[in-house]
């Protein structure tokens, strides 16, 4: 990939990471603190670090492959492969997230449609 394309993709990924951070903080706030989130759109990966309430060390969640699907004006994300630093959480994530479409809020779906 050319340097210009690489830089453009990195800029896009940083902007999308910030959007994911805002959304992620809302989702995680009841359970703990979102410490970091990064997106690599080329590799279709998301790395997340969360410090859960009552825990002394953060957990790492690696979404190793995801797809974004558009149906009309609705957008959904489908996680295909997830790794979590706690074994029981990995099992839970596989049971409730992997392969199941999650609706993306409309205001973010419009943004994704323009960027992706």
PDB file of N, CA and C in Angstrom:
ATOM      1  N   UNK A   1       0.854  -1.179   0.000  1.00  0.00           N
ATOM      2  CA  UNK A   1       0.000   0.000   0.000  1.00  0.00           C
ATOM      3  C   UNK A   1       0.896   1.237   0.000  1.00  0.00           C
ATOM      4  N   UNK A   2       0.503   2.259  -0.696  1.00  0.00           N
ATOM      5  CA  UNK A   2       1.331   3.459  -0.791  1.00  0.00           C
ATOM      6  C   UNK A   2       1.316   4.233   0.521  1.00  0.00           C
ATOM      7  N   UNK A   3       2.302   5.069   0.682  1.00  0.00           N
ATOM      8  CA  UNK A   3       2.423   5.867   1.895  1.00  0.00           C
ATOM      9  C   UNK A   3       1.206   6.774   2.082  1.00  0.00           C
ATOM     10  N   UNK A   4       0.736   7.389   1.010  1.00  0.00           N
ATOM     11  CA  UNK A   4      -0.421   8.294   1.094  1.00  0.00           C
ATOM     12  C   UNK A   4      -1.667   7.525   1.522  1.00  0.00           C
ATOM     13  N   UNK A   5      -1.892   6.353   0.925  1.00  0.00           N
ATOM     14  CA  UNK A   5      -3.045   5.533   1.301  1.00  0.00           C
ATOM     15  C   UNK A   5      -2.929   5.070   2.750  1.00  0.00           C
ATOM     16  N   UNK A   6      -1.719   4.695   3.143  1.00  0.00           N
ATOM     17  CA  UNK A   6      -1.476   4.280   4.532  1.00  0.00           C
ATOM     18  C   UNK A   6      -1.806   5.402   5.508  1.00  0.00           C
ATOM     19  N   UNK A   7      -1.339   6.610   5.217  1.00  0.00           N
ATOM     20  CA  UNK A   7      -1.598   7.752   6.089  1.00  0.00           C
ATOM     21  C   UNK A   7      -3.083   8.095   6.138  1.00  0.00           C
ATOM     22  N   UNK A   8      -3.750   8.012   5.005  1.00  0.00           N
ATOM     23  CA  UNK A   8      -5.190   8.290   4.957  1.00  0.00           C
ATOM     24  C   UNK A   8      -5.958   7.257   5.787  1.00  0.00           C
ATOM     25  N   UNK A   9      -5.596   5.997   5.664  1.00  0.00           N
ATOM     26  CA  UNK A   9      -6.261   4.937   6.421  1.00  0.00           C
ATOM     27  C   UNK A   9      -6.011   5.114   7.907  1.00  0.00           C
ATOM     28  N   UNK A  10      -4.793   5.459   8.291  1.00  0.00           N
ATOM     29  CA  UNK A  10      -4.473   5.670   9.703  1.00  0.00           C
ATOM     30  C   UNK A  10      -5.281   6.837  10.271  1.00  0.00           C
ATOM     31  N   UNK A  11      -5.422   7.905   9.496  1.00  0.00           N
ATOM     32  CA  UNK A  11      -6.232   9.042   9.928  1.00  0.00           C
ATOM     33  C   UNK A  11      -7.692   8.655  10.093  1.00  0.00           C
ATOM     34  N   UNK A  12      -8.202   7.903   9.131  1.00  0.00           N
ATOM     35  CA  UNK A  12      -9.581   7.415   9.198  1.00  0.00           C
ATOM     36  C   UNK A  12      -9.768   6.530  10.428  1.00  0.00           C
ATOM     37  N   UNK A  13      -8.806   5.645  10.672  1.00  0.00           N
ATOM     38  CA  UNK A  13      -8.903   4.744  11.822  1.00  0.00           C
ATOM     39  C   UNK A  13      -8.882   5.507  13.143  1.00  0.00           C
ATOM     40  N   UNK A  14      -8.073   6.560  13.219  1.00  0.00           N
ATOM     41  CA  UNK A  14      -8.042   7.372  14.449  1.00  0.00           C
ATOM     42  C   UNK A  14      -9.380   8.058  14.678  1.00  0.00           C
ATOM     43  N   UNK A  15      -9.989   8.579  13.608  1.00  0.00           N
ATOM     44  CA  UNK A  15     -11.283   9.233  13.737  1.00  0.00           C
ATOM     45  C   UNK A  15     -12.352   8.222  14.153  1.00  0.00           C
ATOM     46  N   UNK A  16     -12.349   7.053  13.531  1.00  0.00           N
ATOM     47  CA  UNK A  16     -13.314   6.022  13.899  1.00  0.00           C
ATOM     48  C   UNK A  16     -13.072   5.510  15.317  1.00  0.00           C
ATOM     49  N   UNK A  17     -11.813   5.433  15.727  1.00  0.00           N
ATOM     50  CA  UNK A  17     -11.501   5.008  17.098  1.00  0.00           C
ATOM     51  C   UNK A  17     -12.085   5.980  18.109  1.00  0.00           C
ATOM     52  N   UNK A  18     -12.010   7.269  17.812  1.00  0.00           N
ATOM     53  CA  UNK A  18     -12.586   8.285  18.705  1.00  0.00           C
ATOM     54  C   UNK A  18     -14.105   8.131  18.781  1.00  0.00           C
ATOM     55  N   UNK A  19     -14.739   7.863  17.644  1.00  0.00           N
ATOM     56  CA  UNK A  19     -16.186   7.634  17.629  1.00  0.00           C
ATOM     57  C   UNK A  19     -16.528   6.392  18.437  1.00  0.00           C
ATOM     58  N   UNK A  20     -15.753   5.322  18.253  1.00  0.00           N
ATOM     59  CA  UNK A  20     -15.975   4.104  19.024  1.00  0.00           C
ATOM     60  C   UNK A  20     -15.759   4.337  20.513  1.00  0.00           C
ATOM     61  N   UNK A  21     -14.808   5.205  20.837  1.00  0.00           N
ATOM     62  CA  UNK A  21     -14.532   5.516  22.239  1.00  0.00           C
ATOM     63  C   UNK A  21     -15.748   6.169  22.899  1.00  0.00           C
ATOM     64  N   UNK A  22     -16.372   7.114  22.216  1.00  0.00           N
ATOM     65  CA  UNK A  22     -17.566   7.776  22.752  1.00  0.00           C
ATOM     66  C   UNK A  22     -18.677   6.754  22.967  1.00  0.00           C
ATOM     67  N   UNK A  23     -18.921   5.941  21.970  1.00  0.00           N
ATOM     68  CA  UNK A  23     -19.957   4.918  22.065  1.00  0.00           C
ATOM     69  C   UNK A  23     -19.594   3.881  23.130  1.00  0.00           C
ATOM     70  N   UNK A  24     -18.345   3.468  23.144  1.00  0.00           N
ATOM     71  CA  UNK A  24     -17.880   2.475  24.110  1.00  0.00           C
ATOM     72  C   UNK A  24     -17.978   2.941  25.548  1.00  0.00           C
ATOM     73  N   UNK A  25     -17.665   4.198  25.784  1.00  0.00           N
ATOM     74  CA  UNK A  25     -17.773   4.733  27.151  1.00  0.00           C
ATOM     75  C   UNK A  25     -19.214   4.656  27.648  1.00  0.00           C
ATOM     76  N   UNK A  26     -20.175   4.925  26.769  1.00  0.00           N
ATOM     77  CA  UNK A  26     -21.586   4.841  27.151  1.00  0.00           C
ATOM     78  C   UNK A  26     -21.956   3.407  27.503  1.00  0.00           C
ATOM     79  N   UNK A  27     -21.500   2.461  26.715  1.00  0.00           N
ATOM     80  CA  UNK A  27     -21.838   1.057  26.935  1.00  0.00           C
ATOM     81  C   UNK A  27     -21.170   0.522  28.199  1.00  0.00           C
ATOM     82  N   UNK A  28     -19.921   0.872  28.412  1.00  0.00           N
ATOM     83  CA  UNK A  28     -19.129   0.304  29.495  1.00  0.00           C
ATOM     84  C   UNK A  28     -19.339   1.006  30.839  1.00  0.00           C
ATOM     85  N   UNK A  29     -19.849   2.213  30.839  1.00  0.00           N
ATOM     86  CA  UNK A  29     -19.895   3.035  32.059  1.00  0.00           C
ATOM     87  C   UNK A  29     -20.559   2.349  33.251  1.00  0.00           C
ATOM     88  N   UNK A  30     -21.528   1.507  33.030  1.00  0.00           N
ATOM     89  CA  UNK A  30     -22.181   0.794  34.143  1.00  0.00           C
ATOM     90  C   UNK A  30     -21.276  -0.265  34.742  1.00  0.00           C
ATOM     91  N   UNK A  31     -20.290  -0.729  33.983  1.00  0.00           N
ATOM     92  CA  UNK A  31     -19.467  -1.855  34.406  1.00  0.00           C
ATOM     93  C   UNK A  31     -18.036  -1.489  34.776  1.00  0.00           C
ATOM     94  N   UNK A  32     -17.592  -0.319  34.313  1.00  0.00           N
ATOM     95  CA  UNK A  32     -16.217   0.066  34.570  1.00  0.00           C
ATOM     96  C   UNK A  32     -15.810   1.240  33.692  1.00  0.00           C
ATOM     97  N   UNK A  33     -14.523   1.319  33.403  1.00  0.00           N
ATOM     98  CA  UNK A  33     -13.964   2.438  32.649  1.00  0.00           C
ATOM     99  C   UNK A  33     -13.264   1.937  31.395  1.00  0.00           C
ATOM    100  N   UNK A  34     -13.658   2.504  30.273  1.00  0.00           N
ATOM    101  CA  UNK A  34     -12.974   2.211  29.019  1.00  0.00           C
ATOM    102  C   UNK A  34     -11.648   2.958  29.041  1.00  0.00           C
ATOM    103  N   UNK A  35     -10.542   2.225  28.957  1.00  0.00           N
ATOM    104  CA  UNK A  35      -9.234   2.861  29.037  1.00  0.00           C
ATOM    105  C   UNK A  35      -8.621   3.119  27.669  1.00  0.00           C
ATOM    106  N   UNK A  36      -8.921   2.241  26.708  1.00  0.00           N
ATOM    107  CA  UNK A  36      -8.327   2.422  25.387  1.00  0.00           C
ATOM    108  C   UNK A  36      -9.134   1.635  24.364  1.00  0.00           C
ATOM    109  N   UNK A  37      -9.193   2.175  23.166  1.00  0.00           N
ATOM    110  CA  UNK A  37      -9.815   1.465  22.052  1.00  0.00           C
ATOM    111  C   UNK A  37      -9.115   1.908  20.772  1.00  0.00           C
ATOM    112  N   UNK A  38      -8.719   0.934  19.967  1.00  0.00           N
ATOM    113  CA  UNK A  38      -8.078   1.246  18.690  1.00  0.00           C
ATOM    114  C   UNK A  38      -8.674   0.357  17.602  1.00  0.00           C
ATOM    115  N   UNK A  39      -8.758   0.922  16.437  1.00  0.00           N
ATOM    116  CA  UNK A  39      -9.337   0.251  15.286  1.00  0.00           C
ATOM    117  C   UNK A  39      -8.297   0.161  14.185  1.00  0.00           C
ATOM    118  N   UNK A  40      -8.238  -0.985  13.548  1.00  0.00           N
ATOM    119  CA  UNK A  40      -7.436  -1.162  12.341  1.00  0.00           C
ATOM    120  C   UNK A  40      -8.412  -1.643  11.271  1.00  0.00           C
ATOM    121  N   UNK A  41      -8.898  -0.709  10.459  1.00  0.00           N
ATOM    122  CA  UNK A  41      -9.932  -1.043   9.477  1.00  0.00           C
ATOM    123  C   UNK A  41      -9.412  -1.966   8.382  1.00  0.00           C
ATOM    124  N   UNK A  42      -8.143  -1.846   8.059  1.00  0.00           N
ATOM    125  CA  UNK A  42      -7.573  -2.703   7.017  1.00  0.00           C
ATOM    126  C   UNK A  42      -7.570  -4.167   7.467  1.00  0.00           C
ATOM    127  N   UNK A  43      -7.161  -4.408   8.704  1.00  0.00           N
ATOM    128  CA  UNK A  43      -7.126  -5.766   9.253  1.00  0.00           C
ATOM    129  C   UNK A  43      -8.476  -6.180   9.836  1.00  0.00           C
ATOM    130  N   UNK A  44      -9.438  -5.223   9.905  1.00  0.00           N
ATOM    131  CA  UNK A  44     -10.771  -5.473  10.472  1.00  0.00           C
ATOM    132  C   UNK A  44     -10.649  -5.928  11.927  1.00  0.00           C
ATOM    133  N   UNK A  45      -9.828  -5.180  12.710  1.00  0.00           N
ATOM    134  CA  UNK A  45      -9.575  -5.517  14.111  1.00  0.00           C
ATOM    135  C   UNK A  45      -9.889  -4.324  15.016  1.00  0.00           C
ATOM    136  N   UNK A  46     -10.315  -4.642  16.234  1.00  0.00           N
ATOM    137  CA  UNK A  46     -10.528  -3.634  17.267  1.00  0.00           C
ATOM    138  C   UNK A  46      -9.893  -4.167  18.547  1.00  0.00           C
ATOM    139  N   UNK A  47      -9.084  -3.333  19.184  1.00  0.00           N
ATOM    140  CA  UNK A  47      -8.473  -3.674  20.474  1.00  0.00           C
ATOM    141  C   UNK A  47      -9.092  -2.776  21.547  1.00  0.00           C
ATOM    142  N   UNK A  48      -9.530  -3.376  22.644  1.00  0.00           N
ATOM    143  CA  UNK A  48     -10.198  -2.636  23.711  1.00  0.00           C
ATOM    144  C   UNK A  48      -9.561  -2.995  25.047  1.00  0.00           C
ATOM    145  N   UNK A  49      -9.387  -1.981  25.897  1.00  0.00           N
ATOM    146  CA  UNK A  49      -8.928  -2.222  27.261  1.00  0.00           C
ATOM    147  C   UNK A  49      -9.929  -1.585  28.205  1.00  0.00           C
ATOM    148  N   UNK A  50     -10.437  -2.393  29.164  1.00  0.00           N
ATOM    149  CA  UNK A  50     -11.459  -1.933  30.100  1.00  0.00           C
ATOM    150  C   UNK A  50     -11.038  -2.309  31.515  1.00  0.00           C
ATOM    151  N   UNK A  51     -11.183  -1.356  32.431  1.00  0.00           N
ATOM    152  CA  UNK A  51     -10.992  -1.649  33.852  1.00  0.00           C
ATOM    153  C   UNK A  51     -12.381  -1.778  34.460  1.00  0.00           C
ATOM    154  N   UNK A  52     -12.746  -3.008  34.818  1.00  0.00           N
ATOM    155  CA  UNK A  52     -14.071  -3.269  35.369  1.00  0.00           C
ATOM    156  C   UNK A  52     -14.131  -2.893  36.847  1.00  0.00           C
ATOM    157  N   UNK A  53     -15.318  -2.482  37.295  1.00  0.00           N
ATOM    158  CA  UNK A  53     -15.527  -2.140  38.711  1.00  0.00           C
ATOM    159  C   UNK A  53     -15.101  -3.324  39.578  1.00  0.00           C
ATOM    160  N   UNK A  54     -14.344  -3.051  40.629  1.00  0.00           N
ATOM    161  CA  UNK A  54     -13.931  -4.085  41.572  1.00  0.00           C
ATOM    162  C   UNK A  54     -12.727  -4.898  41.139  1.00  0.00           C
ATOM    163  N   UNK A  55     -12.244  -4.676  39.928  1.00  0.00           N
ATOM    164  CA  UNK A  55     -11.072  -5.408  39.436  1.00  0.00           C
ATOM    165  C   UNK A  55      -9.821  -4.558  39.620  1.00  0.00           C
ATOM    166  N   UNK A  56      -8.694  -5.217  39.857  1.00  0.00           N
ATOM    167  CA  UNK A  56      -7.452  -4.472  40.052  1.00  0.00           C
ATOM    168  C   UNK A  56      -6.650  -4.326  38.759  1.00  0.00           C
ATOM    169  N   UNK A  57      -6.941  -5.168  37.782  1.00  0.00           N
ATOM    170  CA  UNK A  57      -6.224  -5.051  36.508  1.00  0.00           C
ATOM    171  C   UNK A  57      -7.236  -5.057  35.360  1.00  0.00           C
ATOM    172  N   UNK A  58      -6.892  -4.341  34.285  1.00  0.00           N
ATOM    173  CA  UNK A  58      -7.828  -4.241  33.152  1.00  0.00           C
ATOM    174  C   UNK A  58      -7.908  -5.548  32.367  1.00  0.00           C
ATOM    175  N   UNK A  59      -8.990  -5.684  31.617  1.00  0.00           N
ATOM    176  CA  UNK A  59      -9.112  -6.800  30.690  1.00  0.00           C
ATOM    177  C   UNK A  59      -8.841  -6.271  29.283  1.00  0.00           C
ATOM    178  N   UNK A  60      -8.374  -7.163  28.432  1.00  0.00           N
ATOM    179  CA  UNK A  60      -8.133  -6.829  27.025  1.00  0.00           C
ATOM    180  C   UNK A  60      -9.111  -7.636  26.185  1.00  0.00           C
ATOM    181  N   UNK A  61      -9.758  -6.949  25.283  1.00  0.00           N
ATOM    182  CA  UNK A  61     -10.665  -7.591  24.334  1.00  0.00           C
ATOM    183  C   UNK A  61     -10.113  -7.318  22.944  1.00  0.00           C
ATOM    184  N   UNK A  62      -9.913  -8.381  22.198  1.00  0.00           N
ATOM    185  CA  UNK A  62      -9.442  -8.256  20.820  1.00  0.00           C
ATOM    186  C   UNK A  62     -10.527  -8.802  19.909  1.00  0.00           C
ATOM    187  N   UNK A  63     -11.098  -7.917  19.119  1.00  0.00           N
ATOM    188  CA  UNK A  63     -12.041  -8.337  18.086  1.00  0.00           C
ATOM    189  C   UNK A  63     -11.193  -8.499  16.841  1.00  0.00           C
ATOM    190  N   UNK A  64     -10.922  -9.758  16.502  1.00  0.00           N
ATOM    191  CA  UNK A  64      -9.946 -10.057  15.467  1.00  0.00           C
ATOM    192  C   UNK A  64     -10.511 -10.037  14.055  1.00  0.00           C
ATOM    193  N   UNK A  65     -11.821  -9.978  13.958  1.00  0.00           N
ATOM    194  CA  UNK A  65     -12.457  -9.837  12.659  1.00  0.00           C
ATOM    195  C   UNK A  65     -13.893  -9.407  12.866  1.00  0.00           C
ATOM    196  N   UNK A  66     -14.317  -8.406  12.111  1.00  0.00           N
ATOM    197  CA  UNK A  66     -15.693  -7.938  12.186  1.00  0.00           C
ATOM    198  C   UNK A  66     -16.141  -7.501  10.803  1.00  0.00           C
ATOM    199  N   UNK A  67     -17.453  -7.476  10.623  1.00  0.00           N
ATOM    200  CA  UNK A  67     -18.044  -6.990   9.381  1.00  0.00           C
ATOM    201  C   UNK A  67     -19.082  -5.943   9.729  1.00  0.00           C
ATOM    202  N   UNK A  68     -19.218  -4.952   8.869  1.00  0.00           N
ATOM    203  CA  UNK A  68     -20.289  -3.967   8.999  1.00  0.00           C
ATOM    204  C   UNK A  68     -21.231  -4.197   7.832  1.00  0.00           C
ATOM    205  N   UNK A  69     -22.497  -4.387   8.162  1.00  0.00           N
ATOM    206  CA  UNK A  69     -23.507  -4.719   7.169  1.00  0.00           C
ATOM    207  C   UNK A  69     -24.547  -3.612   7.147  1.00  0.00           C
ATOM    208  N   UNK A  70     -24.894  -3.154   5.950  1.00  0.00           N
ATOM    209  CA  UNK A  70     -25.926  -2.126   5.797  1.00  0.00           C
ATOM    210  C   UNK A  70     -27.169  -2.762   5.195  1.00  0.00           C
ATOM    211  N   UNK A  71     -28.295  -2.482   5.813  1.00  0.00           N
ATOM    212  CA  UNK A  71     -29.597  -2.894   5.279  1.00  0.00           C
ATOM    213  C   UNK A  71     -30.452  -1.635   5.224  1.00  0.00           C
ATOM    214  N   UNK A  72     -30.552  -1.067   4.035  1.00  0.00           N
ATOM    215  CA  UNK A  72     -31.230   0.223   3.909  1.00  0.00           C
ATOM    216  C   UNK A  72     -30.432   1.278   4.647  1.00  0.00           C
ATOM    217  N   UNK A  73     -31.077   1.993   5.557  1.00  0.00           N
ATOM    218  CA  UNK A  73     -30.386   3.007   6.351  1.00  0.00           C
ATOM    219  C   UNK A  73     -29.862   2.456   7.670  1.00  0.00           C
ATOM    220  N   UNK A  74     -30.148   1.194   7.960  1.00  0.00           N
ATOM    221  CA  UNK A  74     -29.658   0.584   9.195  1.00  0.00           C
ATOM    222  C   UNK A  74     -28.288  -0.033   8.970  1.00  0.00           C
ATOM    223  N   UNK A  75     -27.468   0.065   9.999  1.00  0.00           N
ATOM    224  CA  UNK A  75     -26.149  -0.559   9.952  1.00  0.00           C
ATOM    225  C   UNK A  75     -26.012  -1.477  11.157  1.00  0.00           C
ATOM    226  N   UNK A  76     -25.329  -2.574  10.929  1.00  0.00           N
ATOM    227  CA  UNK A  76     -25.083  -3.531  12.003  1.00  0.00           C
ATOM    228  C   UNK A  76     -23.632  -3.975  11.940  1.00  0.00           C
ATOM    229  N   UNK A  77     -23.093  -4.281  13.101  1.00  0.00           N
ATOM    230  CA  UNK A  77     -21.754  -4.844  13.166  1.00  0.00           C
ATOM    231  C   UNK A  77     -21.908  -6.304  13.575  1.00  0.00           C
ATOM    232  N   UNK A  78     -21.118  -7.152  12.938  1.00  0.00           N
ATOM    233  CA  UNK A  78     -21.114  -8.568  13.275  1.00  0.00           C
ATOM    234  C   UNK A  78     -19.679  -8.949  13.618  1.00  0.00           C
ATOM    235  N   UNK A  79     -19.474  -9.387  14.856  1.00  0.00           N
ATOM    236  CA  UNK A  79     -18.151  -9.822  15.298  1.00  0.00           C
ATOM    237  C   UNK A  79     -17.967 -11.280  14.902  1.00  0.00           C
ATOM    238  N   UNK A  80     -16.843 -11.581  14.293  1.00  0.00           N
ATOM    239  CA  UNK A  80     -16.577 -12.934  13.801  1.00  0.00           C
ATOM    240  C   UNK A  80     -15.598 -13.707  14.683  1.00  0.00           C
ATOM    241  N   UNK A  81     -14.690 -12.998  15.353  1.00  0.00           N
ATOM    242  CA  UNK A  81     -13.667 -13.663  16.166  1.00  0.00           C
ATOM    243  C   UNK A  81     -13.288 -12.739  17.308  1.00  0.00           C
ATOM    244  N   UNK A  82     -13.431 -13.211  18.539  1.00  0.00           N
ATOM    245  CA  UNK A  82     -13.143 -12.392  19.711  1.00  0.00           C
ATOM    246  C   UNK A  82     -12.220 -13.161  20.650  1.00  0.00           C
ATOM    247  N   UNK A  83     -11.221 -12.449  21.182  1.00  0.00           N
ATOM    248  CA  UNK A  83     -10.348 -12.992  22.226  1.00  0.00           C
ATOM    249  C   UNK A  83     -10.439 -12.061  23.429  1.00  0.00           C
ATOM    250  N   UNK A  84     -10.494 -12.632  24.622  1.00  0.00           N
ATOM    251  CA  UNK A  84     -10.587 -11.841  25.850  1.00  0.00           C
ATOM    252  C   UNK A  84      -9.555 -12.382  26.833  1.00  0.00           C
ATOM    253  N   UNK A  85      -8.962 -11.483  27.614  1.00  0.00           N
ATOM    254  CA  UNK A  85      -7.899 -11.888  28.525  1.00  0.00           C
ATOM    255  C   UNK A  85      -8.386 -12.707  29.719  1.00  0.00           C
ATOM    256  N   UNK A  86      -9.680 -12.857  29.900  1.00  0.00           N
ATOM    257  CA  UNK A  86     -10.254 -13.725  30.930  1.00  0.00           C
ATOM    258  C   UNK A  86     -11.032 -14.838  30.218  1.00  0.00           C
ATOM    259  N   UNK A  87     -10.696 -16.080  30.526  1.00  0.00           N
ATOM    260  CA  UNK A  87     -11.268 -17.220  29.803  1.00  0.00           C
ATOM    261  C   UNK A  87     -12.795 -17.241  29.851  1.00  0.00           C
ATOM    262  N   UNK A  88     -13.362 -16.987  31.019  1.00  0.00           N
ATOM    263  CA  UNK A  88     -14.828 -17.059  31.128  1.00  0.00           C
ATOM    264  C   UNK A  88     -15.495 -15.943  30.326  1.00  0.00           C
ATOM    265  N   UNK A  89     -14.837 -14.785  30.215  1.00  0.00           N
ATOM    266  CA  UNK A  89     -15.387 -13.688  29.424  1.00  0.00           C
ATOM    267  C   UNK A  89     -15.306 -13.999  27.930  1.00  0.00           C
ATOM    268  N   UNK A  90     -14.273 -14.708  27.527  1.00  0.00           N
ATOM    269  CA  UNK A  90     -14.160 -15.119  26.122  1.00  0.00           C
ATOM    270  C   UNK A  90     -15.320 -16.042  25.770  1.00  0.00           C
ATOM    271  N   UNK A  91     -15.605 -16.995  26.655  1.00  0.00           N
ATOM    272  CA  UNK A  91     -16.717 -17.914  26.431  1.00  0.00           C
ATOM    273  C   UNK A  91     -18.039 -17.156  26.359  1.00  0.00           C
ATOM    274  N   UNK A  92     -18.246 -16.211  27.273  1.00  0.00           N
ATOM    275  CA  UNK A  92     -19.464 -15.400  27.276  1.00  0.00           C
ATOM    276  C   UNK A  92     -19.579 -14.587  25.983  1.00  0.00           C
ATOM    277  N   UNK A  93     -18.482 -13.951  25.575  1.00  0.00           N
ATOM    278  CA  UNK A  93     -18.487 -13.158  24.344  1.00  0.00           C
ATOM    279  C   UNK A  93     -18.813 -14.024  23.133  1.00  0.00           C
ATOM    280  N   UNK A  94     -18.250 -15.211  23.092  1.00  0.00           N
ATOM    281  CA  UNK A  94     -18.547 -16.116  21.982  1.00  0.00           C
ATOM    282  C   UNK A  94     -20.025 -16.504  21.974  1.00  0.00           C
ATOM    283  N   UNK A  95     -20.596 -16.704  23.161  1.00  0.00           N
ATOM    284  CA  UNK A  95     -22.004 -17.105  23.264  1.00  0.00           C
ATOM    285  C   UNK A  95     -22.964 -15.990  22.870  1.00  0.00           C
ATOM    286  N   UNK A  96     -22.667 -14.748  23.260  1.00  0.00           N
ATOM    287  CA  UNK A  96     -23.656 -13.689  23.046  1.00  0.00           C
ATOM    288  C   UNK A  96     -23.314 -12.695  21.939  1.00  0.00           C
ATOM    289  N   UNK A  97     -22.084 -12.698  21.447  1.00  0.00           N
ATOM    290  CA  UNK A  97     -21.699 -11.703  20.450  1.00  0.00           C
ATOM    291  C   UNK A  97     -21.306 -12.265  19.088  1.00  0.00           C
ATOM    292  N   UNK A  98     -20.515 -13.300  19.076  1.00  0.00           N
ATOM    293  CA  UNK A  98     -19.948 -13.783  17.813  1.00  0.00           C
ATOM    294  C   UNK A  98     -21.058 -14.245  16.873  1.00  0.00           C
ATOM    295  N   UNK A  99     -21.057 -13.649  15.678  1.00  0.00           N
ATOM    296  CA  UNK A  99     -22.000 -14.023  14.643  1.00  0.00           C
ATOM    297  C   UNK A  99     -23.382 -13.400  14.750  1.00  0.00           C
ATOM    298  N   UNK A 100     -23.602 -12.610  15.778  1.00  0.00           N
ATOM    299  CA  UNK A 100     -24.918 -12.001  15.977  1.00  0.00           C
ATOM    300  C   UNK A 100     -24.862 -10.514  15.623  1.00  0.00           C
ATOM    301  N   UNK A 101     -25.746 -10.056  14.733  1.00  0.00           N
ATOM    302  CA  UNK A 101     -25.712  -8.638  14.340  1.00  0.00           C
ATOM    303  C   UNK A 101     -26.134  -7.717  15.474  1.00  0.00           C
ATOM    304  N   UNK A 102     -25.355  -6.662  15.693  1.00  0.00           N
ATOM    305  CA  UNK A 102     -25.673  -5.633  16.680  1.00  0.00           C
ATOM    306  C   UNK A 102     -25.943  -4.339  15.940  1.00  0.00           C
ATOM    307  N   UNK A 103     -27.098  -3.767  16.192  1.00  0.00           N
ATOM    308  CA  UNK A 103     -27.484  -2.538  15.508  1.00  0.00           C
ATOM    309  C   UNK A 103     -26.590  -1.379  15.952  1.00  0.00           C
ATOM    310  N   UNK A 104     -26.158  -0.599  14.996  1.00  0.00           N
ATOM    311  CA  UNK A 104     -25.360   0.590  15.260  1.00  0.00           C
ATOM    312  C   UNK A 104     -26.322   1.775  15.283  1.00  0.00           C
ATOM    313  N   UNK A 105     -26.253   2.635  16.318  1.00  0.00           N
ATOM    314  CA  UNK A 105     -27.150   3.799  16.356  1.00  0.00           C
ATOM    315  C   UNK A 105     -27.111   4.590  15.049  1.00  0.00           C
ATOM    316  N   UNK A 106     -28.275   5.073  14.635  1.00  0.00           N
ATOM    317  CA  UNK A 106     -28.461   5.728  13.337  1.00  0.00           C
ATOM    318  C   UNK A 106     -27.434   6.834  13.068  1.00  0.00           C
ATOM    319  N   UNK A 107     -27.153   7.672  14.081  1.00  0.00           N
ATOM    320  CA  UNK A 107     -26.224   8.783  13.846  1.00  0.00           C
ATOM    321  C   UNK A 107     -24.814   8.288  13.531  1.00  0.00           C
ATOM    322  N   UNK A 108     -24.423   7.140  14.087  1.00  0.00           N
ATOM    323  CA  UNK A 108     -23.114   6.576  13.790  1.00  0.00           C
ATOM    324  C   UNK A 108     -23.139   5.806  12.474  1.00  0.00           C
ATOM    325  N   UNK A 109     -24.274   5.206  12.151  1.00  0.00           N
ATOM    326  CA  UNK A 109     -24.401   4.468  10.898  1.00  0.00           C
ATOM    327  C   UNK A 109     -24.190   5.393   9.710  1.00  0.00           C
ATOM    328  N   UNK A 110     -24.740   6.608   9.773  1.00  0.00           N
ATOM    329  CA  UNK A 110     -24.548   7.573   8.683  1.00  0.00           C
ATOM    330  C   UNK A 110     -23.066   7.895   8.504  1.00  0.00           C
ATOM    331  N   UNK A 111     -22.375   8.083   9.609  1.00  0.00           N
ATOM    332  CA  UNK A 111     -20.946   8.374   9.560  1.00  0.00           C
ATOM    333  C   UNK A 111     -20.188   7.208   8.937  1.00  0.00           C
ATOM    334  N   UNK A 112     -20.484   5.999   9.373  1.00  0.00           N
ATOM    335  CA  UNK A 112     -19.799   4.821   8.838  1.00  0.00           C
ATOM    336  C   UNK A 112     -20.038   4.671   7.348  1.00  0.00           C
ATOM    337  N   UNK A 113     -21.256   4.943   6.927  1.00  0.00           N
ATOM    338  CA  UNK A 113     -21.609   4.802   5.516  1.00  0.00           C
ATOM    339  C   UNK A 113     -20.739   5.711   4.645  1.00  0.00           C
ATOM    340  N   UNK A 114     -20.392   6.884   5.142  1.00  0.00           N
ATOM    341  CA  UNK A 114     -19.576   7.831   4.383  1.00  0.00           C
ATOM    342  C   UNK A 114     -18.093   7.452   4.412  1.00  0.00           C
ATOM    343  N   UNK A 115     -17.665   6.826   5.493  1.00  0.00           N
ATOM    344  CA  UNK A 115     -16.235   6.561   5.680  1.00  0.00           C
ATOM    345  C   UNK A 115     -15.804   5.221   5.133  1.00  0.00           C
ATOM    346  N   UNK A 116     -16.616   4.199   5.333  1.00  0.00           N
ATOM    347  CA  UNK A 116     -16.204   2.841   4.971  1.00  0.00           C
ATOM    348  C   UNK A 116     -16.483   2.557   3.515  1.00  0.00           C
TER     349      UNK A 116
END
